[in-house]
Amino acid sequence: MSLFILGATVLAFIYHVVLYAFNKDRLLIHYLVYLFFTSVFLFLKTGLILYFFGSWERYILHNFREAIQIVYLASYFNFIVEAVGISKQKNTFLFRYWNITAAFLILYALIYTVCKLYADVDNEAYAYAFIGIRIFIFGVTGAMLYQSFKLREIKFQLIILYGCTIYMICGLTSFITNLFSDPAWLIWPLEWLMIGSFLDIIFFSLAIGYRNKLQWESLNLTLLEEANKFIALQKVILAKQTELENERQRIAADMHDDLGSGLTKITYLSQMAQHGDLGDNLEKIQKTANELIGNMSELIWVMKDENNTLEDLATYIKSYAVDYFESNDIDIQVSLPDDFQNITLDGKQRRHLFLCVKEALHNIVKHANATKVLIKMSFNSGFTICIKDNGVGLNENGPKNPLHGNGIKNMRSRMETICGSMEVVETDGIAIIFNIPLSFAAENEPFVPLPATQNELSFAPQNLKA
């Protein structure tokens, strides 16, 4: 039996050396120390010592057997402390006294060995020392197991403690049977201790296998999370690329529509001018060319990344509105906030908001018959652009009601695209209010604007800052 258990212990030692080489687990160092001294202890009990050391066998067994067994037990206690993590619990009995206990066991082994080598001590004293130290060891072991069961946190520790409990029971059986030994017994006292060591090795191997399984599952979960993050990043990149491609296609379509239709019209007017209707057609050609230049200027402005702030957009709208209404003999007042808070917009937001404002200004010139226009930009649970005219207002039954036109539908659609909203209010004319949220992160949540007040829609000079 001792040879079998020694072989199992050596194999366990080699196996855990390989494990340590792969994962550098500090706990395995303590376990390997324990397995080493277990192997030495078992080596003394197998009879192999006679084969290797010959006549020195009796001398070694007589003088060093007790010391080797005590060191072997001390290394086992140290392994239990490390396995359960008691050394990290700073207010426990074992943390405070384990180092003292270990030093006491080593000191006992040294004194016992020195007495064996150099002192003339009777056998009765050695017997008392033998019994006393084992009673002490069983007391420490019992306290250690009790504290360990209280402090355990994971199943890995519980499996180890089951092995430790079985080992303690076998050790206690070995001690009791050693006091009343009988040569006729099938299992000798020390063999009980060997069986305990063997079973404990099995339990620890099961615990290590369980922990390795958890580590692999954790690693696989980590790899899966990293893969999901990578896939999410790829989706973001793909979405950005798709958005960029859509923007390119939109720009190409806008250029095709504006330039194509404008150049076609210029070509047609040029042909008409060649057939004699020169003056009127030249004026139309000039007007069409100016419109093309304006459209291209707007397109280029939207495309430039340096025009990405809300202040840039507000300044551009003001400049455009002033030029547009002055050319149509309409008084214009523009009010801007004092501070735009360095808010930035992307090209899509700038384009849709500007085109909404442009459409609203065009409707005023075309339908409102207005003489004054107020454009007021402010922060009101979002960024608000209010465009107010003093025109004829809404004629809900009339054929040219703006609410029934495609322009209003297009403006609402554009504002929804950038998570904003549009409101049409009749108050001595028409006021159109565009709202966009200040936090563009929540793009999927609809923005609910605050209702416009009469002060916002008033032409009173104190409400304006030109």
Protein backbone atom coordinates (compact mmCIF):
# COMPACT_ATOMS: atom_id res chain seq x y z
CA MET A 1 0.00 0.00 0.00
CA SER A 2 2.77 2.43 0.88
CA LEU A 3 4.44 1.86 -2.50
CA PHE A 4 1.16 2.44 -4.33
CA ILE A 5 0.44 5.68 -2.45
CA LEU A 6 4.04 6.85 -2.93
CA GLY A 7 3.69 6.30 -6.69
CA ALA A 8 0.39 8.21 -6.73
CA THR A 9 1.99 11.06 -4.78
CA VAL A 10 4.96 11.29 -7.16
CA LEU A 11 2.60 11.32 -10.16
CA ALA A 12 0.53 14.05 -8.48
CA PHE A 13 3.73 16.03 -7.86
CA ILE A 14 4.75 15.80 -11.54
CA TYR A 15 1.22 16.67 -12.71
CA HIS A 16 1.04 19.79 -10.56
CA VAL A 17 4.54 20.85 -11.61
CA VAL A 18 3.24 20.82 -15.20
CA LEU A 19 0.15 22.78 -14.13
CA TYR A 20 2.31 25.38 -12.41
CA ALA A 21 4.48 25.71 -15.53
CA PHE A 22 1.37 26.65 -17.49
CA ASN A 23 -0.59 28.95 -15.16
CA LYS A 24 1.95 30.07 -12.49
CA ASP A 25 -0.61 29.55 -9.72
CA ARG A 26 1.01 30.51 -6.40
CA LEU A 27 -1.16 28.00 -4.51
CA LEU A 28 0.49 25.17 -6.44
CA ILE A 29 3.86 26.07 -4.95
CA HIS A 30 2.53 25.43 -1.44
CA TYR A 31 0.90 22.22 -2.60
CA LEU A 32 4.10 21.03 -4.29
CA VAL A 33 6.03 21.64 -1.05
CA TYR A 34 3.46 19.55 0.79
CA LEU A 35 3.65 16.77 -1.87
CA PHE A 36 7.45 16.78 -1.69
CA PHE A 37 7.54 16.21 2.07
CA THR A 38 4.70 13.70 1.75
CA SER A 39 6.80 11.76 -0.74
CA VAL A 40 9.81 11.87 1.59
CA PHE A 41 7.66 10.65 4.48
CA LEU A 42 6.19 7.83 2.39
CA PHE A 43 9.64 6.95 1.09
CA LEU A 44 10.75 6.26 4.66
CA LYS A 45 7.80 3.88 5.15
CA THR A 46 8.12 1.84 1.95
CA GLY A 47 11.40 0.07 2.67
CA LEU A 48 13.04 1.70 -0.34
CA ILE A 49 15.32 3.54 2.06
CA LEU A 50 17.10 0.26 2.69
CA TYR A 51 17.66 -0.16 -1.04
CA PHE A 52 19.08 3.33 -1.50
CA PHE A 53 20.88 3.92 1.78
CA GLY A 54 21.74 0.40 2.97
CA SER A 55 23.14 0.37 6.47
CA TRP A 56 22.20 4.02 6.98
CA GLU A 57 18.53 3.06 7.06
CA ARG A 58 18.34 2.47 10.83
CA TYR A 59 20.30 5.64 11.59
CA ILE A 60 18.02 7.81 9.42
CA LEU A 61 14.81 6.30 10.72
CA HIS A 62 15.90 6.52 14.33
CA ASN A 63 17.02 10.14 14.21
CA PHE A 64 15.02 11.91 11.47
CA ARG A 65 11.68 10.10 11.07
CA GLU A 66 9.81 12.26 13.58
CA ALA A 67 11.25 15.50 12.19
CA ILE A 68 10.32 14.57 8.62
CA GLN A 69 6.77 13.72 9.67
CA ILE A 70 6.36 16.99 11.58
CA VAL A 71 7.69 19.05 8.65
CA TYR A 72 5.36 17.12 6.37
CA LEU A 73 2.38 17.99 8.61
CA ALA A 74 3.48 21.63 8.90
CA SER A 75 3.66 21.92 5.11
CA TYR A 76 0.15 20.48 4.93
CA PHE A 77 -1.19 23.06 7.39
CA ASN A 78 0.47 25.82 5.41
CA PHE A 79 -1.22 24.52 2.24
CA ILE A 80 -4.65 24.56 3.92
CA VAL A 81 -4.13 28.15 5.06
CA GLU A 82 -3.17 29.25 1.55
CA ALA A 83 -5.89 27.22 -0.20
CA VAL A 84 -8.70 28.74 1.84
CA GLY A 85 -7.15 32.20 1.79
CA ILE A 86 -7.06 32.57 5.53
CA SER A 87 -3.84 34.55 5.34
CA LYS A 88 -5.90 37.36 3.82
CA GLN A 89 -8.35 37.45 6.72
CA LYS A 90 -6.58 39.74 9.13
CA ASN A 91 -8.86 39.32 12.12
CA THR A 92 -8.95 35.54 12.39
CA PHE A 93 -7.34 33.25 14.90
CA LEU A 94 -5.37 31.37 12.28
CA PHE A 95 -3.96 34.46 10.64
CA ARG A 96 -2.60 35.71 13.95
CA TYR A 97 -1.25 32.41 15.21
CA TRP A 98 -0.40 30.33 12.18
CA ASN A 99 3.15 31.64 11.88
CA ILE A 100 3.71 31.02 15.58
CA THR A 101 2.26 27.50 15.24
CA ALA A 102 4.48 26.71 12.26
CA ALA A 103 7.56 28.01 14.07
CA PHE A 104 6.65 25.91 17.12
CA LEU A 105 6.35 22.74 15.01
CA ILE A 106 9.69 23.34 13.31
CA LEU A 107 11.33 24.10 16.66
CA TYR A 108 9.92 20.87 18.10
CA ALA A 109 11.30 18.91 15.11
CA LEU A 110 14.76 20.44 15.61
CA ILE A 111 14.82 19.81 19.36
CA TYR A 112 13.57 16.25 18.92
CA THR A 113 16.23 15.54 16.28
CA VAL A 114 19.04 17.11 18.34
CA CYS A 115 18.00 15.04 21.36
CA LYS A 116 18.01 11.92 19.24
CA LEU A 117 21.47 12.69 17.92
CA TYR A 118 23.27 14.04 20.97
CA ALA A 119 21.22 13.68 24.20
CA ASP A 120 20.65 10.67 26.36
CA VAL A 121 16.86 10.84 26.84
CA ASP A 122 14.82 7.86 27.88
CA ASN A 123 12.16 6.45 25.58
CA GLU A 124 9.34 7.45 27.92
CA ALA A 125 10.13 11.15 27.37
CA TYR A 126 10.03 10.64 23.62
CA ALA A 127 6.68 8.89 23.96
CA TYR A 128 5.23 11.80 25.94
CA ALA A 129 6.60 14.23 23.41
CA PHE A 130 5.15 12.13 20.59
CA ILE A 131 1.68 12.04 22.14
CA GLY A 132 1.75 15.68 23.25
CA ILE A 133 2.74 17.10 19.88
CA ARG A 134 0.06 15.09 18.09
CA ILE A 135 -2.62 16.22 20.50
CA PHE A 136 -1.47 19.77 19.76
CA ILE A 137 -1.54 19.06 16.00
CA PHE A 138 -5.05 17.65 16.14
CA GLY A 139 -6.18 20.67 18.14
CA VAL A 140 -4.68 23.06 15.59
CA THR A 141 -6.13 21.00 12.75
CA GLY A 142 -9.60 21.06 14.27
CA ALA A 143 -9.45 24.83 14.83
CA MET A 144 -8.11 25.31 11.32
CA LEU A 145 -10.90 23.28 9.73
CA TYR A 146 -13.53 25.05 11.82
CA GLN A 147 -12.24 28.50 10.81
CA SER A 148 -11.81 27.40 7.20
CA PHE A 149 -15.38 26.17 6.88
CA LYS A 150 -16.56 29.50 8.27
CA LEU A 151 -14.38 31.54 5.91
CA ARG A 152 -14.86 29.54 2.72
CA GLU A 153 -16.48 31.48 -0.11
CA ILE A 154 -16.39 29.25 -3.19
CA LYS A 155 -16.93 25.61 -4.08
CA PHE A 156 -13.20 25.17 -4.80
CA GLN A 157 -12.43 25.78 -1.13
CA LEU A 158 -15.23 23.48 -0.02
CA ILE A 159 -13.86 20.54 -2.03
CA ILE A 160 -10.41 21.06 -0.47
CA LEU A 161 -11.91 21.19 3.01
CA TYR A 162 -13.74 17.92 2.43
CA GLY A 163 -10.39 16.34 1.61
CA CYS A 164 -8.82 17.94 4.68
CA THR A 165 -11.59 16.59 6.91
CA ILE A 166 -11.12 13.05 5.61
CA TYR A 167 -7.36 13.44 6.09
CA MET A 168 -7.86 14.57 9.68
CA ILE A 169 -10.16 11.61 10.39
CA CYS A 170 -7.59 9.19 8.97
CA GLY A 171 -4.81 10.91 10.96
CA LEU A 172 -6.84 10.67 14.15
CA THR A 173 -7.51 7.00 13.45
CA SER A 174 -3.78 6.50 12.87
CA PHE A 175 -2.95 8.15 16.21
CA ILE A 176 -5.52 6.16 18.22
CA THR A 177 -4.66 2.83 16.63
CA ASN A 178 -0.97 3.53 17.21
CA LEU A 179 -1.67 3.65 20.95
CA PHE A 180 -3.31 0.24 20.83
CA SER A 181 -1.57 -1.37 17.85
CA ASP A 182 -1.95 -5.04 17.08
CA PRO A 183 0.21 -6.86 14.51
CA ALA A 184 -2.88 -8.78 13.38
CA TRP A 185 -4.62 -5.66 12.05
CA LEU A 186 -5.04 -5.48 8.26
CA ILE A 187 -4.33 -1.73 8.22
CA TRP A 188 -1.52 -0.52 10.41
CA PRO A 189 -1.63 2.88 12.15
CA LEU A 190 0.70 4.70 9.76
CA GLU A 191 -1.17 3.26 6.79
CA TRP A 192 -4.26 5.16 7.91
CA LEU A 193 -2.25 8.37 7.59
CA MET A 194 -1.08 7.29 4.14
CA ILE A 195 -4.66 6.57 3.07
CA GLY A 196 -5.66 10.03 4.32
CA SER A 197 -2.89 11.62 2.26
CA PHE A 198 -3.95 9.65 -0.82
CA LEU A 199 -7.62 10.65 -0.49
CA ASP A 200 -6.65 14.25 0.16
CA ILE A 201 -4.57 14.28 -3.04
CA ILE A 202 -7.62 13.04 -4.95
CA PHE A 203 -9.85 15.76 -3.50
CA PHE A 204 -7.31 18.48 -4.25
CA SER A 205 -6.96 17.23 -7.83
CA LEU A 206 -10.76 17.41 -8.15
CA ALA A 207 -10.70 20.95 -6.73
CA ILE A 208 -7.96 22.02 -9.14
CA GLY A 209 -9.90 20.49 -12.04
CA TYR A 210 -13.03 22.34 -10.94
CA ARG A 211 -11.16 25.64 -10.66
CA ASN A 212 -9.49 25.13 -14.05
CA LYS A 213 -12.92 24.51 -15.54
CA LEU A 214 -14.18 27.78 -14.05
CA GLN A 215 -11.10 29.61 -15.32
CA TRP A 216 -11.61 28.23 -18.82
CA GLU A 217 -15.27 29.21 -18.72
CA SER A 218 -14.29 32.67 -17.51
CA LEU A 219 -11.66 32.92 -20.24
CA ASN A 220 -14.16 31.80 -22.87
CA LEU A 221 -16.67 34.32 -21.54
CA THR A 222 -14.03 37.05 -21.67
CA LEU A 223 -13.10 36.08 -25.22
CA LEU A 224 -16.79 36.08 -26.15
CA GLU A 225 -17.25 39.53 -24.64
CA GLU A 226 -14.19 40.79 -26.50
CA ALA A 227 -15.52 39.25 -29.71
CA ASN A 228 -18.90 40.93 -29.13
CA LYS A 229 -17.16 44.25 -28.53
CA PHE A 230 -15.17 43.76 -31.72
CA ILE A 231 -18.34 42.92 -33.63
CA ALA A 232 -20.08 45.98 -32.15
CA LEU A 233 -17.11 48.12 -33.18
CA GLN A 234 -17.25 46.63 -36.67
CA LYS A 235 -20.96 47.45 -36.80
CA VAL A 236 -20.23 51.04 -35.78
CA ILE A 237 -17.52 51.30 -38.42
CA LEU A 238 -19.84 49.76 -41.01
CA ALA A 239 -22.61 52.17 -40.01
CA LYS A 240 -20.19 55.09 -40.34
CA GLN A 241 -19.08 53.83 -43.73
CA THR A 242 -22.69 53.38 -44.80
CA GLU A 243 -23.52 56.86 -43.55
CA LEU A 244 -20.52 58.26 -45.42
CA GLU A 245 -21.53 56.43 -48.59
CA ASN A 246 -25.11 57.70 -48.24
CA GLU A 247 -23.78 61.20 -47.76
CA ARG A 248 -21.67 60.87 -50.89
CA GLN A 249 -24.66 59.61 -52.85
CA ARG A 250 -26.79 62.45 -51.50
CA ILE A 251 -24.20 65.02 -52.47
CA ALA A 252 -23.91 63.45 -55.90
CA ALA A 253 -27.72 63.48 -56.25
CA ASP A 254 -27.94 67.11 -55.10
CA MET A 255 -25.24 68.17 -57.50
CA HIS A 256 -26.92 66.23 -60.29
CA ASP A 257 -30.34 67.72 -59.53
CA ASP A 258 -29.20 71.31 -59.00
CA LEU A 259 -26.47 71.48 -61.58
CA GLY A 260 -28.26 69.24 -64.07
CA SER A 261 -31.55 71.08 -64.00
CA GLY A 262 -29.86 74.47 -63.83
CA LEU A 263 -27.47 73.81 -66.71
CA THR A 264 -30.29 72.29 -68.76
CA LYS A 265 -32.33 75.44 -68.18
CA ILE A 266 -29.37 77.67 -69.12
CA THR A 267 -28.83 75.61 -72.28
CA TYR A 268 -32.48 75.97 -73.23
CA LEU A 269 -32.49 79.73 -72.52
CA SER A 270 -29.27 80.14 -74.50
CA GLN A 271 -30.85 78.44 -77.49
CA MET A 272 -33.89 80.73 -77.16
CA ALA A 273 -31.57 83.76 -77.00
CA GLN A 274 -29.87 82.67 -80.21
CA HIS A 275 -33.25 82.81 -81.97
CA GLY A 276 -33.80 86.47 -81.18
CA ASP A 277 -35.39 86.77 -77.71
CA LEU A 278 -32.13 88.05 -76.28
CA GLY A 279 -32.86 90.46 -73.43
CA ASP A 280 -35.43 88.51 -71.44
CA ASN A 281 -33.57 85.23 -71.81
CA LEU A 282 -30.22 86.74 -70.79
CA GLU A 283 -31.86 87.96 -67.59
CA LYS A 284 -33.25 84.47 -66.93
CA ILE A 285 -29.84 82.93 -67.66
CA GLN A 286 -28.22 85.30 -65.17
CA LYS A 287 -30.86 84.49 -62.53
CA THR A 288 -30.46 80.74 -63.04
CA ALA A 289 -26.66 81.00 -62.87
CA ASN A 290 -26.89 82.97 -59.62
CA GLU A 291 -29.20 80.33 -58.16
CA LEU A 292 -26.73 77.61 -59.13
CA ILE A 293 -23.88 79.51 -57.52
CA GLY A 294 -25.92 79.95 -54.35
CA ASN A 295 -26.90 76.28 -54.23
CA MET A 296 -23.29 75.19 -54.76
CA SER A 297 -22.13 77.59 -52.05
CA GLU A 298 -24.67 76.12 -49.61
CA LEU A 299 -23.64 72.59 -50.52
CA ILE A 300 -19.95 73.32 -50.03
CA TRP A 301 -20.62 75.07 -46.71
CA VAL A 302 -22.52 72.07 -45.34
CA MET A 303 -19.75 69.68 -46.43
CA LYS A 304 -16.94 71.55 -44.63
CA ASP A 305 -16.16 70.06 -41.21
CA GLU A 306 -14.86 73.36 -39.87
CA ASN A 307 -18.45 74.71 -40.00
CA ASN A 308 -19.62 72.18 -37.43
CA THR A 309 -20.66 74.42 -34.52
CA LEU A 310 -24.13 75.68 -33.76
CA GLU A 311 -22.77 79.21 -33.83
CA ASP A 312 -21.48 78.69 -37.38
CA LEU A 313 -24.93 77.51 -38.46
CA ALA A 314 -26.70 80.43 -36.75
CA THR A 315 -24.32 82.95 -38.32
CA TYR A 316 -24.77 81.41 -41.77
CA ILE A 317 -28.59 81.41 -41.43
CA LYS A 318 -28.50 85.07 -40.38
CA SER A 319 -26.33 86.04 -43.33
CA TYR A 320 -28.47 84.08 -45.77
CA ALA A 321 -31.77 85.48 -44.38
CA VAL A 322 -30.57 89.08 -44.44
CA ASP A 323 -29.42 88.81 -48.07
CA TYR A 324 -32.56 86.92 -49.12
CA PHE A 325 -35.10 89.30 -47.59
CA GLU A 326 -33.25 92.46 -48.52
CA SER A 327 -33.36 91.35 -52.15
CA ASN A 328 -37.16 90.92 -51.75
CA ASP A 329 -37.73 94.27 -49.94
CA ILE A 330 -38.75 92.69 -46.62
CA ASP A 331 -37.51 94.04 -43.27
CA ILE A 332 -35.59 91.41 -41.29
CA GLN A 333 -34.64 91.26 -37.63
CA VAL A 334 -32.40 88.49 -36.26
CA SER A 335 -31.82 87.70 -32.60
CA LEU A 336 -29.00 85.36 -31.55
CA PRO A 337 -28.06 83.95 -28.13
CA ASP A 338 -25.10 85.44 -26.29
CA ASP A 339 -23.41 82.06 -25.85
CA PHE A 340 -23.74 79.00 -28.09
CA GLN A 341 -21.93 76.75 -25.56
CA ASN A 342 -19.59 75.33 -28.24
CA ILE A 343 -22.26 72.83 -29.31
CA THR A 344 -21.31 70.97 -32.49
CA LEU A 345 -23.49 69.47 -35.22
CA ASP A 346 -22.69 66.95 -37.91
CA GLY A 347 -23.21 67.56 -41.60
CA LYS A 348 -26.58 65.81 -41.61
CA GLN A 349 -27.97 67.98 -38.82
CA ARG A 350 -26.60 71.19 -40.32
CA ARG A 351 -28.02 70.38 -43.74
CA HIS A 352 -31.54 69.42 -42.62
CA LEU A 353 -31.88 72.35 -40.23
CA PHE A 354 -30.65 74.86 -42.78
CA LEU A 355 -32.90 73.48 -45.53
CA CYS A 356 -35.88 73.72 -43.17
CA VAL A 357 -35.08 77.35 -42.45
CA LYS A 358 -34.54 78.00 -46.16
CA GLU A 359 -37.92 76.45 -47.04
CA ALA A 360 -39.64 78.53 -44.33
CA LEU A 361 -38.06 81.75 -45.68
CA HIS A 362 -39.06 80.80 -49.21
CA ASN A 363 -42.69 80.25 -48.11
CA ILE A 364 -42.77 83.71 -46.50
CA VAL A 365 -41.66 85.37 -49.73
CA LYS A 366 -43.96 83.23 -51.87
CA HIS A 367 -47.17 83.07 -49.79
CA ALA A 368 -47.19 85.39 -46.77
CA ASN A 369 -47.28 88.85 -48.38
CA ALA A 370 -45.28 89.98 -45.34
CA THR A 371 -43.35 93.21 -44.77
CA LYS A 372 -41.48 92.18 -41.63
CA VAL A 373 -39.80 88.97 -40.51
CA LEU A 374 -38.35 88.11 -37.12
CA ILE A 375 -35.84 85.28 -36.69
CA LYS A 376 -35.10 84.48 -33.07
CA MET A 377 -32.67 81.75 -31.98
CA SER A 378 -32.61 80.68 -28.33
CA PHE A 379 -32.03 77.81 -25.91
CA ASN A 380 -35.32 76.55 -24.51
CA SER A 381 -35.01 72.88 -23.41
CA GLY A 382 -33.15 72.54 -26.67
CA PHE A 383 -32.12 74.89 -29.46
CA THR A 384 -35.03 76.82 -30.94
CA ILE A 385 -35.26 78.77 -34.19
CA CYS A 386 -38.46 80.84 -34.40
CA ILE A 387 -39.28 82.45 -37.77
CA LYS A 388 -42.20 84.93 -37.48
CA ASP A 389 -43.76 87.04 -40.22
CA ASN A 390 -46.52 89.66 -40.16
CA GLY A 391 -48.19 88.31 -43.29
CA VAL A 392 -51.70 87.20 -44.11
CA GLY A 393 -51.53 84.13 -41.86
CA LEU A 394 -53.28 80.83 -42.48
CA ASN A 395 -56.26 80.50 -44.76
CA GLU A 396 -57.23 76.96 -43.95
CA ASN A 397 -59.81 76.76 -46.75
CA GLY A 398 -57.71 78.52 -49.31
CA PRO A 399 -55.96 76.75 -52.19
CA LYS A 400 -52.55 78.02 -51.05
CA ASN A 401 -52.73 77.03 -47.40
CA PRO A 402 -49.08 76.29 -46.42
CA LEU A 403 -50.19 73.52 -44.09
CA HIS A 404 -51.38 71.54 -47.08
CA GLY A 405 -48.20 71.94 -49.12
CA ASN A 406 -45.26 69.64 -49.63
CA GLY A 407 -42.95 72.23 -48.08
CA ILE A 408 -44.42 71.79 -44.60
CA LYS A 409 -44.36 68.00 -44.95
CA ASN A 410 -40.72 68.10 -46.06
CA MET A 411 -39.76 70.33 -43.14
CA ARG A 412 -41.46 68.05 -40.62
CA SER A 413 -39.77 65.02 -42.17
CA ARG A 414 -36.35 66.68 -42.06
CA MET A 415 -36.77 67.67 -38.39
CA GLU A 416 -37.84 64.13 -37.46
CA THR A 417 -34.73 62.83 -39.22
CA ILE A 418 -32.53 64.77 -36.78
CA CYS A 419 -34.79 63.94 -33.78
CA GLY A 420 -36.22 67.42 -33.69
CA SER A 421 -39.70 68.86 -34.17
CA MET A 422 -41.52 71.66 -35.94
CA GLU A 423 -44.49 73.72 -34.78
CA VAL A 424 -46.64 76.15 -36.79
CA VAL A 425 -48.36 78.92 -34.80
CA GLU A 426 -50.71 81.61 -36.15
CA THR A 427 -50.22 84.94 -34.35
CA ASP A 428 -50.58 88.10 -36.45
CA GLY A 429 -49.06 86.13 -39.28
CA ILE A 430 -47.36 82.78 -39.09
CA ALA A 431 -44.60 81.62 -36.75
CA ILE A 432 -42.68 78.45 -37.54
CA ILE A 433 -40.66 77.05 -34.65
CA PHE A 434 -37.92 74.50 -35.17
CA ASN A 435 -36.55 72.63 -32.14
CA ILE A 436 -33.60 70.26 -31.83
CA PRO A 437 -32.45 68.59 -28.57
CA LEU A 438 -29.23 69.75 -26.99
CA SER A 439 -28.15 66.16 -26.27
CA PHE A 440 -27.73 64.50 -29.62
CA ALA A 441 -26.70 61.23 -27.94
CA ALA A 442 -30.33 60.22 -27.38
CA GLU A 443 -31.18 60.31 -31.07
CA ASN A 444 -33.79 57.58 -30.82
CA GLU A 445 -35.90 59.45 -28.29
CA PRO A 446 -38.36 62.03 -29.63
CA PHE A 447 -37.75 65.61 -28.55
CA VAL A 448 -40.72 67.41 -26.96
CA PRO A 449 -40.30 71.21 -27.17
CA LEU A 450 -41.69 73.73 -24.75
CA PRO A 451 -44.64 75.73 -26.17
CA ALA A 452 -43.75 79.05 -27.71
CA THR A 453 -44.61 82.15 -25.71
CA GLN A 454 -45.93 85.43 -27.03
CA ASN A 455 -42.64 87.10 -26.10
CA GLU A 456 -40.81 84.75 -28.43
CA LEU A 457 -43.21 85.64 -31.26
CA SER A 458 -43.23 89.39 -30.63
CA PHE A 459 -41.62 92.01 -32.84
CA ALA A 460 -40.82 94.12 -29.73
CA PRO A 461 -37.30 95.58 -30.08
CA GLN A 462 -36.38 94.73 -26.45
CA ASN A 463 -36.63 91.03 -27.32
CA LEU A 464 -34.16 91.31 -30.16
CA LYS A 465 -30.41 91.45 -30.43
CA ALA A 466 -29.46 92.16 -34.00
